[in-house]
Amino acid sequence: EKGIDIGDTIIDPVSKKEFTIIGFTKDQMFSHTPVVYVNEDVWGAISQPNQKDYSAIALNTDKEIKNAHVIDK
């Protein structure tokens, strides 16, 4: 990313925790938001107390997927 290099430290503005950049992904986004990977313990430490957990699977394909069902609950 522009302005950030491997080995740089960034600070989460909400939790004030420091993180060291160890790598980059290419073209990874969720909706319109860039993606950051952290382990579950770190996520628990920086997430908001009333924030809900979400799981999502996003597919980008031009092929038909047989026997696939969309569940919206």
PDB file of N, CA and C in Angstrom:
ATOM      1  N   GLU A   1       0.840  -1.184   0.000  1.00  0.00           N
ATOM      2  CA  GLU A   1       0.000   0.000   0.000  1.00  0.00           C
ATOM      3  C   GLU A   1       0.879   1.238   0.000  1.00  0.00           C
ATOM      4  N   LYS A   2       0.332   2.310  -0.500  1.00  0.00           N
ATOM      5  CA  LYS A   2       1.085   3.553  -0.556  1.00  0.00           C
ATOM      6  C   LYS A   2       1.298   4.095   0.848  1.00  0.00           C
ATOM      7  N   GLY A   3       2.539   4.381   1.194  1.00  0.00           N
ATOM      8  CA  GLY A   3       2.845   5.001   2.478  1.00  0.00           C
ATOM      9  C   GLY A   3       3.021   4.035   3.629  1.00  0.00           C
ATOM     10  N   ILE A   4       2.777   2.752   3.422  1.00  0.00           N
ATOM     11  CA  ILE A   4       2.951   1.748   4.466  1.00  0.00           C
ATOM     12  C   ILE A   4       3.861   0.657   3.920  1.00  0.00           C
ATOM     13  N   ASP A   5       4.860   0.276   4.718  1.00  0.00           N
ATOM     14  CA  ASP A   5       5.803  -0.755   4.303  1.00  0.00           C
ATOM     15  C   ASP A   5       5.799  -1.906   5.301  1.00  0.00           C
ATOM     16  N   ILE A   6       6.254  -3.072   4.858  1.00  0.00           N
ATOM     17  CA  ILE A   6       6.406  -4.204   5.766  1.00  0.00           C
ATOM     18  C   ILE A   6       7.364  -3.791   6.878  1.00  0.00           C
ATOM     19  N   GLY A   7       6.982  -4.101   8.108  1.00  0.00           N
ATOM     20  CA  GLY A   7       7.772  -3.722   9.277  1.00  0.00           C
ATOM     21  C   GLY A   7       7.271  -2.461   9.956  1.00  0.00           C
ATOM     22  N   ASP A   8       6.445  -1.672   9.257  1.00  0.00           N
ATOM     23  CA  ASP A   8       5.869  -0.465   9.867  1.00  0.00           C
ATOM     24  C   ASP A   8       4.892  -0.863  10.967  1.00  0.00           C
ATOM     25  N   THR A   9       4.694   0.030  11.906  1.00  0.00           N
ATOM     26  CA  THR A   9       3.733  -0.168  12.983  1.00  0.00           C
ATOM     27  C   THR A   9       2.563   0.772  12.774  1.00  0.00           C
ATOM     28  N   ILE A  10       1.346   0.243  12.932  1.00  0.00           N
ATOM     29  CA  ILE A  10       0.146   1.076  12.883  1.00  0.00           C
ATOM     30  C   ILE A  10      -0.582   0.932  14.213  1.00  0.00           C
ATOM     31  N   ILE A  11      -1.392   1.915  14.557  1.00  0.00           N
ATOM     32  CA  ILE A  11      -2.128   1.902  15.817  1.00  0.00           C
ATOM     33  C   ILE A  11      -3.620   1.971  15.522  1.00  0.00           C
ATOM     34  N   ASP A  12      -4.368   1.039  16.104  1.00  0.00           N
ATOM     35  CA  ASP A  12      -5.820   1.065  15.986  1.00  0.00           C
ATOM     36  C   ASP A  12      -6.327   2.254  16.794  1.00  0.00           C
ATOM     37  N   PRO A  13      -7.057   3.177  16.165  1.00  0.00           N
ATOM     38  CA  PRO A  13      -7.466   4.397  16.871  1.00  0.00           C
ATOM     39  C   PRO A  13      -8.456   4.165  18.008  1.00  0.00           C
ATOM     40  N   VAL A  14      -9.195   3.062  17.982  1.00  0.00           N
ATOM     41  CA  VAL A  14     -10.181   2.806  19.035  1.00  0.00           C
ATOM     42  C   VAL A  14      -9.537   2.128  20.241  1.00  0.00           C
ATOM     43  N   SER A  15      -8.827   1.018  20.001  1.00  0.00           N
ATOM     44  CA  SER A  15      -8.248   0.250  21.109  1.00  0.00           C
ATOM     45  C   SER A  15      -6.874   0.753  21.526  1.00  0.00           C
ATOM     46  N   LYS A  16      -6.234   1.540  20.664  1.00  0.00           N
ATOM     47  CA  LYS A  16      -4.872   2.041  20.883  1.00  0.00           C
ATOM     48  C   LYS A  16      -3.821   0.925  20.824  1.00  0.00           C
ATOM     49  N   LYS A  17      -4.177  -0.248  20.323  1.00  0.00           N
ATOM     50  CA  LYS A  17      -3.227  -1.349  20.201  1.00  0.00           C
ATOM     51  C   LYS A  17      -2.361  -1.144  18.961  1.00  0.00           C
ATOM     52  N   GLU A  18      -1.089  -1.563  19.079  1.00  0.00           N
ATOM     53  CA  GLU A  18      -0.133  -1.452  17.979  1.00  0.00           C
ATOM     54  C   GLU A  18      -0.073  -2.759  17.197  1.00  0.00           C
ATOM     55  N   PHE A  19       0.081  -2.632  15.874  1.00  0.00           N
ATOM     56  CA  PHE A  19       0.209  -3.784  15.003  1.00  0.00           C
ATOM     57  C   PHE A  19       1.363  -3.552  14.045  1.00  0.00           C
ATOM     58  N   THR A  20       2.145  -4.605  13.801  1.00  0.00           N
ATOM     59  CA  THR A  20       3.251  -4.542  12.858  1.00  0.00           C
ATOM     60  C   THR A  20       2.796  -5.146  11.536  1.00  0.00           C
ATOM     61  N   ILE A  21       3.035  -4.423  10.449  1.00  0.00           N
ATOM     62  CA  ILE A  21       2.681  -4.899   9.108  1.00  0.00           C
ATOM     63  C   ILE A  21       3.644  -6.021   8.731  1.00  0.00           C
ATOM     64  N   ILE A  22       3.099  -7.221   8.423  1.00  0.00           N
ATOM     65  CA  ILE A  22       3.957  -8.350   8.054  1.00  0.00           C
ATOM     66  C   ILE A  22       3.744  -8.794   6.611  1.00  0.00           C
ATOM     67  N   GLY A  23       2.782  -8.189   5.925  1.00  0.00           N
ATOM     68  CA  GLY A  23       2.555  -8.551   4.531  1.00  0.00           C
ATOM     69  C   GLY A  23       1.346  -7.836   3.970  1.00  0.00           C
ATOM     70  N   PHE A  24       1.130  -8.016   2.698  1.00  0.00           N
ATOM     71  CA  PHE A  24       0.007  -7.399   2.002  1.00  0.00           C
ATOM     72  C   PHE A  24      -0.709  -8.452   1.164  1.00  0.00           C
ATOM     73  N   THR A  25      -2.001  -8.264   0.961  1.00  0.00           N
ATOM     74  CA  THR A  25      -2.755  -9.085   0.027  1.00  0.00           C
ATOM     75  C   THR A  25      -3.033  -8.230  -1.198  1.00  0.00           C
ATOM     76  N   LYS A  26      -3.356  -8.875  -2.285  1.00  0.00           N
ATOM     77  CA  LYS A  26      -3.621  -8.130  -3.510  1.00  0.00           C
ATOM     78  C   LYS A  26      -5.111  -8.150  -3.813  1.00  0.00           C
ATOM     79  N   ASP A  27      -5.683  -6.977  -3.984  1.00  0.00           N
ATOM     80  CA  ASP A  27      -7.073  -6.826  -4.425  1.00  0.00           C
ATOM     81  C   ASP A  27      -8.085  -7.528  -3.517  1.00  0.00           C
ATOM     82  N   GLN A  28      -7.870  -7.521  -2.220  1.00  0.00           N
ATOM     83  CA  GLN A  28      -8.806  -8.135  -1.284  1.00  0.00           C
ATOM     84  C   GLN A  28      -9.674  -7.059  -0.649  1.00  0.00           C
ATOM     85  N   MET A  29     -10.990  -7.185  -0.820  1.00  0.00           N
ATOM     86  CA  MET A  29     -11.937  -6.238  -0.240  1.00  0.00           C
ATOM     87  C   MET A  29     -13.184  -7.002   0.182  1.00  0.00           C
ATOM     88  N   PHE A  30     -13.879  -6.469   1.166  1.00  0.00           N
ATOM     89  CA  PHE A  30     -15.189  -6.977   1.553  1.00  0.00           C
ATOM     90  C   PHE A  30     -16.149  -5.828   1.366  1.00  0.00           C
ATOM     91  N   SER A  31     -17.035  -5.953   0.399  1.00  0.00           N
ATOM     92  CA  SER A  31     -17.906  -4.858  -0.010  1.00  0.00           C
ATOM     93  C   SER A  31     -17.010  -3.746  -0.540  1.00  0.00           C
ATOM     94  N   HIS A  32     -16.937  -2.621   0.129  1.00  0.00           N
ATOM     95  CA  HIS A  32     -16.079  -1.519  -0.320  1.00  0.00           C
ATOM     96  C   HIS A  32     -14.942  -1.277   0.663  1.00  0.00           C
ATOM     97  N   THR A  33     -14.754  -2.181   1.625  1.00  0.00           N
ATOM     98  CA  THR A  33     -13.789  -1.981   2.697  1.00  0.00           C
ATOM     99  C   THR A  33     -12.551  -2.841   2.473  1.00  0.00           C
ATOM    100  N   PRO A  34     -11.355  -2.295   2.630  1.00  0.00           N
ATOM    101  CA  PRO A  34     -10.147  -3.120   2.532  1.00  0.00           C
ATOM    102  C   PRO A  34     -10.152  -4.215   3.602  1.00  0.00           C
ATOM    103  N   VAL A  35      -9.413  -5.284   3.352  1.00  0.00           N
ATOM    104  CA  VAL A  35      -9.363  -6.427   4.260  1.00  0.00           C
ATOM    105  C   VAL A  35      -8.072  -6.400   5.063  1.00  0.00           C
ATOM    106  N   VAL A  36      -8.195  -6.692   6.358  1.00  0.00           N
ATOM    107  CA  VAL A  36      -7.048  -6.855   7.247  1.00  0.00           C
ATOM    108  C   VAL A  36      -7.217  -8.203   7.926  1.00  0.00           C
ATOM    109  N   TYR A  37      -6.150  -8.977   8.007  1.00  0.00           N
ATOM    110  CA  TYR A  37      -6.216 -10.278   8.655  1.00  0.00           C
ATOM    111  C   TYR A  37      -5.597 -10.200  10.040  1.00  0.00           C
ATOM    112  N   VAL A  38      -6.333 -10.647  11.057  1.00  0.00           N
ATOM    113  CA  VAL A  38      -5.839 -10.759  12.434  1.00  0.00           C
ATOM    114  C   VAL A  38      -6.392 -12.064  13.007  1.00  0.00           C
ATOM    115  N   ASN A  39      -5.748 -12.570  14.068  1.00  0.00           N
ATOM    116  CA  ASN A  39      -6.282 -13.794  14.670  1.00  0.00           C
ATOM    117  C   ASN A  39      -7.474 -13.471  15.566  1.00  0.00           C
ATOM    118  N   GLU A  40      -8.175 -14.507  16.013  1.00  0.00           N
ATOM    119  CA  GLU A  40      -9.413 -14.310  16.761  1.00  0.00           C
ATOM    120  C   GLU A  40      -9.181 -13.607  18.098  1.00  0.00           C
ATOM    121  N   ASP A  41      -8.063 -13.878  18.759  1.00  0.00           N
ATOM    122  CA  ASP A  41      -7.765 -13.206  20.029  1.00  0.00           C
ATOM    123  C   ASP A  41      -7.594 -11.705  19.836  1.00  0.00           C
ATOM    124  N   VAL A  42      -6.889 -11.322  18.781  1.00  0.00           N
ATOM    125  CA  VAL A  42      -6.701  -9.895  18.495  1.00  0.00           C
ATOM    126  C   VAL A  42      -8.040  -9.261  18.148  1.00  0.00           C
ATOM    127  N   TRP A  43      -8.831  -9.937  17.322  1.00  0.00           N
ATOM    128  CA  TRP A  43     -10.143  -9.388  16.957  1.00  0.00           C
ATOM    129  C   TRP A  43     -10.979  -9.157  18.209  1.00  0.00           C
ATOM    130  N   GLY A  44     -10.965 -10.105  19.138  1.00  0.00           N
ATOM    131  CA  GLY A  44     -11.712  -9.951  20.382  1.00  0.00           C
ATOM    132  C   GLY A  44     -11.238  -8.765  21.198  1.00  0.00           C
ATOM    133  N   ALA A  45      -9.941  -8.473  21.127  1.00  0.00           N
ATOM    134  CA  ALA A  45      -9.378  -7.363  21.898  1.00  0.00           C
ATOM    135  C   ALA A  45      -9.685  -6.000  21.283  1.00  0.00           C
ATOM    136  N   ILE A  46      -9.879  -5.942  19.960  1.00  0.00           N
ATOM    137  CA  ILE A  46     -10.084  -4.630  19.332  1.00  0.00           C
ATOM    138  C   ILE A  46     -11.517  -4.371  18.902  1.00  0.00           C
ATOM    139  N   SER A  47     -12.367  -5.403  18.890  1.00  0.00           N
ATOM    140  CA  SER A  47     -13.741  -5.188  18.435  1.00  0.00           C
ATOM    141  C   SER A  47     -14.552  -4.452  19.494  1.00  0.00           C
ATOM    142  N   GLN A  48     -15.576  -3.784  19.039  1.00  0.00           N
ATOM    143  CA  GLN A  48     -16.450  -3.039  19.941  1.00  0.00           C
ATOM    144  C   GLN A  48     -17.239  -4.016  20.805  1.00  0.00           C
ATOM    145  N   PRO A  49     -17.525  -3.669  22.066  1.00  0.00           N
ATOM    146  CA  PRO A  49     -18.193  -4.616  22.964  1.00  0.00           C
ATOM    147  C   PRO A  49     -19.568  -5.084  22.491  1.00  0.00           C
ATOM    148  N   ASN A  50     -20.322  -4.262  21.809  1.00  0.00           N
ATOM    149  CA  ASN A  50     -21.660  -4.647  21.354  1.00  0.00           C
ATOM    150  C   ASN A  50     -21.700  -4.999  19.871  1.00  0.00           C
ATOM    151  N   GLN A  51     -20.540  -5.152  19.269  1.00  0.00           N
ATOM    152  CA  GLN A  51     -20.465  -5.458  17.842  1.00  0.00           C
ATOM    153  C   GLN A  51     -20.846  -6.916  17.605  1.00  0.00           C
ATOM    154  N   LYS A  52     -21.655  -7.170  16.602  1.00  0.00           N
ATOM    155  CA  LYS A  52     -22.077  -8.527  16.274  1.00  0.00           C
ATOM    156  C   LYS A  52     -21.050  -9.189  15.371  1.00  0.00           C
ATOM    157  N   ASP A  53     -20.955 -10.501  15.487  1.00  0.00           N
ATOM    158  CA  ASP A  53     -20.092 -11.274  14.609  1.00  0.00           C
ATOM    159  C   ASP A  53     -20.864 -11.632  13.343  1.00  0.00           C
ATOM    160  N   TYR A  54     -20.187 -11.590  12.213  1.00  0.00           N
ATOM    161  CA  TYR A  54     -20.799 -11.943  10.940  1.00  0.00           C
ATOM    162  C   TYR A  54     -19.904 -12.932  10.214  1.00  0.00           C
ATOM    163  N   SER A  55     -20.503 -13.796   9.471  1.00  0.00           N
ATOM    164  CA  SER A  55     -19.779 -14.702   8.593  1.00  0.00           C
ATOM    165  C   SER A  55     -20.334 -14.513   7.193  1.00  0.00           C
ATOM    166  N   ALA A  56     -19.457 -14.539   6.216  1.00  0.00           N
ATOM    167  CA  ALA A  56     -19.909 -14.362   4.842  1.00  0.00           C
ATOM    168  C   ALA A  56     -19.013 -15.152   3.901  1.00  0.00           C
ATOM    169  N   ILE A  57     -19.599 -15.638   2.857  1.00  0.00           N
ATOM    170  CA  ILE A  57     -18.854 -16.249   1.769  1.00  0.00           C
ATOM    171  C   ILE A  57     -19.227 -15.479   0.513  1.00  0.00           C
ATOM    172  N   ALA A  58     -18.234 -14.927  -0.157  1.00  0.00           N
ATOM    173  CA  ALA A  58     -18.484 -14.153  -1.373  1.00  0.00           C
ATOM    174  C   ALA A  58     -17.859 -14.890  -2.552  1.00  0.00           C
ATOM    175  N   LEU A  59     -18.627 -15.077  -3.601  1.00  0.00           N
ATOM    176  CA  LEU A  59     -18.139 -15.745  -4.799  1.00  0.00           C
ATOM    177  C   LEU A  59     -18.158 -14.779  -5.966  1.00  0.00           C
ATOM    178  N   ASN A  60     -17.104 -14.802  -6.739  1.00  0.00           N
ATOM    179  CA  ASN A  60     -17.032 -14.009  -7.953  1.00  0.00           C
ATOM    180  C   ASN A  60     -16.801 -15.006  -9.084  1.00  0.00           C
ATOM    181  N   THR A  61     -17.879 -15.397  -9.749  1.00  0.00           N
ATOM    182  CA  THR A  61     -17.763 -16.448 -10.753  1.00  0.00           C
ATOM    183  C   THR A  61     -18.686 -16.168 -11.928  1.00  0.00           C
ATOM    184  N   ASP A  62     -18.296 -16.625 -13.077  1.00  0.00           N
ATOM    185  CA  ASP A  62     -19.167 -16.502 -14.238  1.00  0.00           C
ATOM    186  C   ASP A  62     -19.729 -17.874 -14.631  1.00  0.00           C
ATOM    187  N   LYS A  63     -19.484 -18.882 -13.784  1.00  0.00           N
ATOM    188  CA  LYS A  63     -19.981 -20.228 -14.056  1.00  0.00           C
ATOM    189  C   LYS A  63     -21.207 -20.508 -13.201  1.00  0.00           C
ATOM    190  N   GLU A  64     -22.088 -21.325 -13.732  1.00  0.00           N
ATOM    191  CA  GLU A  64     -23.267 -21.737 -12.979  1.00  0.00           C
ATOM    192  C   GLU A  64     -22.837 -22.713 -11.884  1.00  0.00           C
ATOM    193  N   ILE A  65     -23.396 -22.541 -10.698  1.00  0.00           N
ATOM    194  CA  ILE A  65     -23.109 -23.449  -9.592  1.00  0.00           C
ATOM    195  C   ILE A  65     -24.371 -24.265  -9.342  1.00  0.00           C
ATOM    196  N   LYS A  66     -24.322 -25.543  -9.656  1.00  0.00           N
ATOM    197  CA  LYS A  66     -25.501 -26.402  -9.505  1.00  0.00           C
ATOM    198  C   LYS A  66     -25.677 -26.804  -8.045  1.00  0.00           C
ATOM    199  N   ASN A  67     -26.920 -26.951  -7.648  1.00  0.00           N
ATOM    200  CA  ASN A  67     -27.282 -27.383  -6.297  1.00  0.00           C
ATOM    201  C   ASN A  67     -26.844 -26.398  -5.221  1.00  0.00           C
ATOM    202  N   ALA A  68     -26.701 -25.140  -5.555  1.00  0.00           N
ATOM    203  CA  ALA A  68     -26.363 -24.108  -4.569  1.00  0.00           C
ATOM    204  C   ALA A  68     -27.641 -23.420  -4.127  1.00  0.00           C
ATOM    205  N   HIS A  69     -27.717 -23.087  -2.865  1.00  0.00           N
ATOM    206  CA  HIS A  69     -28.897 -22.435  -2.311  1.00  0.00           C
ATOM    207  C   HIS A  69     -28.469 -21.187  -1.550  1.00  0.00           C
ATOM    208  N   VAL A  70     -29.231 -20.128  -1.690  1.00  0.00           N
ATOM    209  CA  VAL A  70     -28.971 -18.896  -0.953  1.00  0.00           C
ATOM    210  C   VAL A  70     -29.853 -18.885   0.283  1.00  0.00           C
ATOM    211  N   ILE A  71     -29.237 -18.687   1.434  1.00  0.00           N
ATOM    212  CA  ILE A  71     -29.973 -18.601   2.698  1.00  0.00           C
ATOM    213  C   ILE A  71     -29.824 -17.179   3.204  1.00  0.00           C
ATOM    214  N   ASP A  72     -30.935 -16.514   3.450  1.00  0.00           N
ATOM    215  CA  ASP A  72     -30.875 -15.103   3.839  1.00  0.00           C
ATOM    216  C   ASP A  72     -31.367 -14.860   5.260  1.00  0.00           C
ATOM    217  N   LYS A  73     -31.220 -15.828   6.129  1.00  0.00           N
ATOM    218  CA  LYS A  73     -31.652 -15.659   7.519  1.00  0.00           C
ATOM    219  C   LYS A  73     -30.459 -15.513   8.421  1.00  0.00           C
TER     220      LYS A  73
END
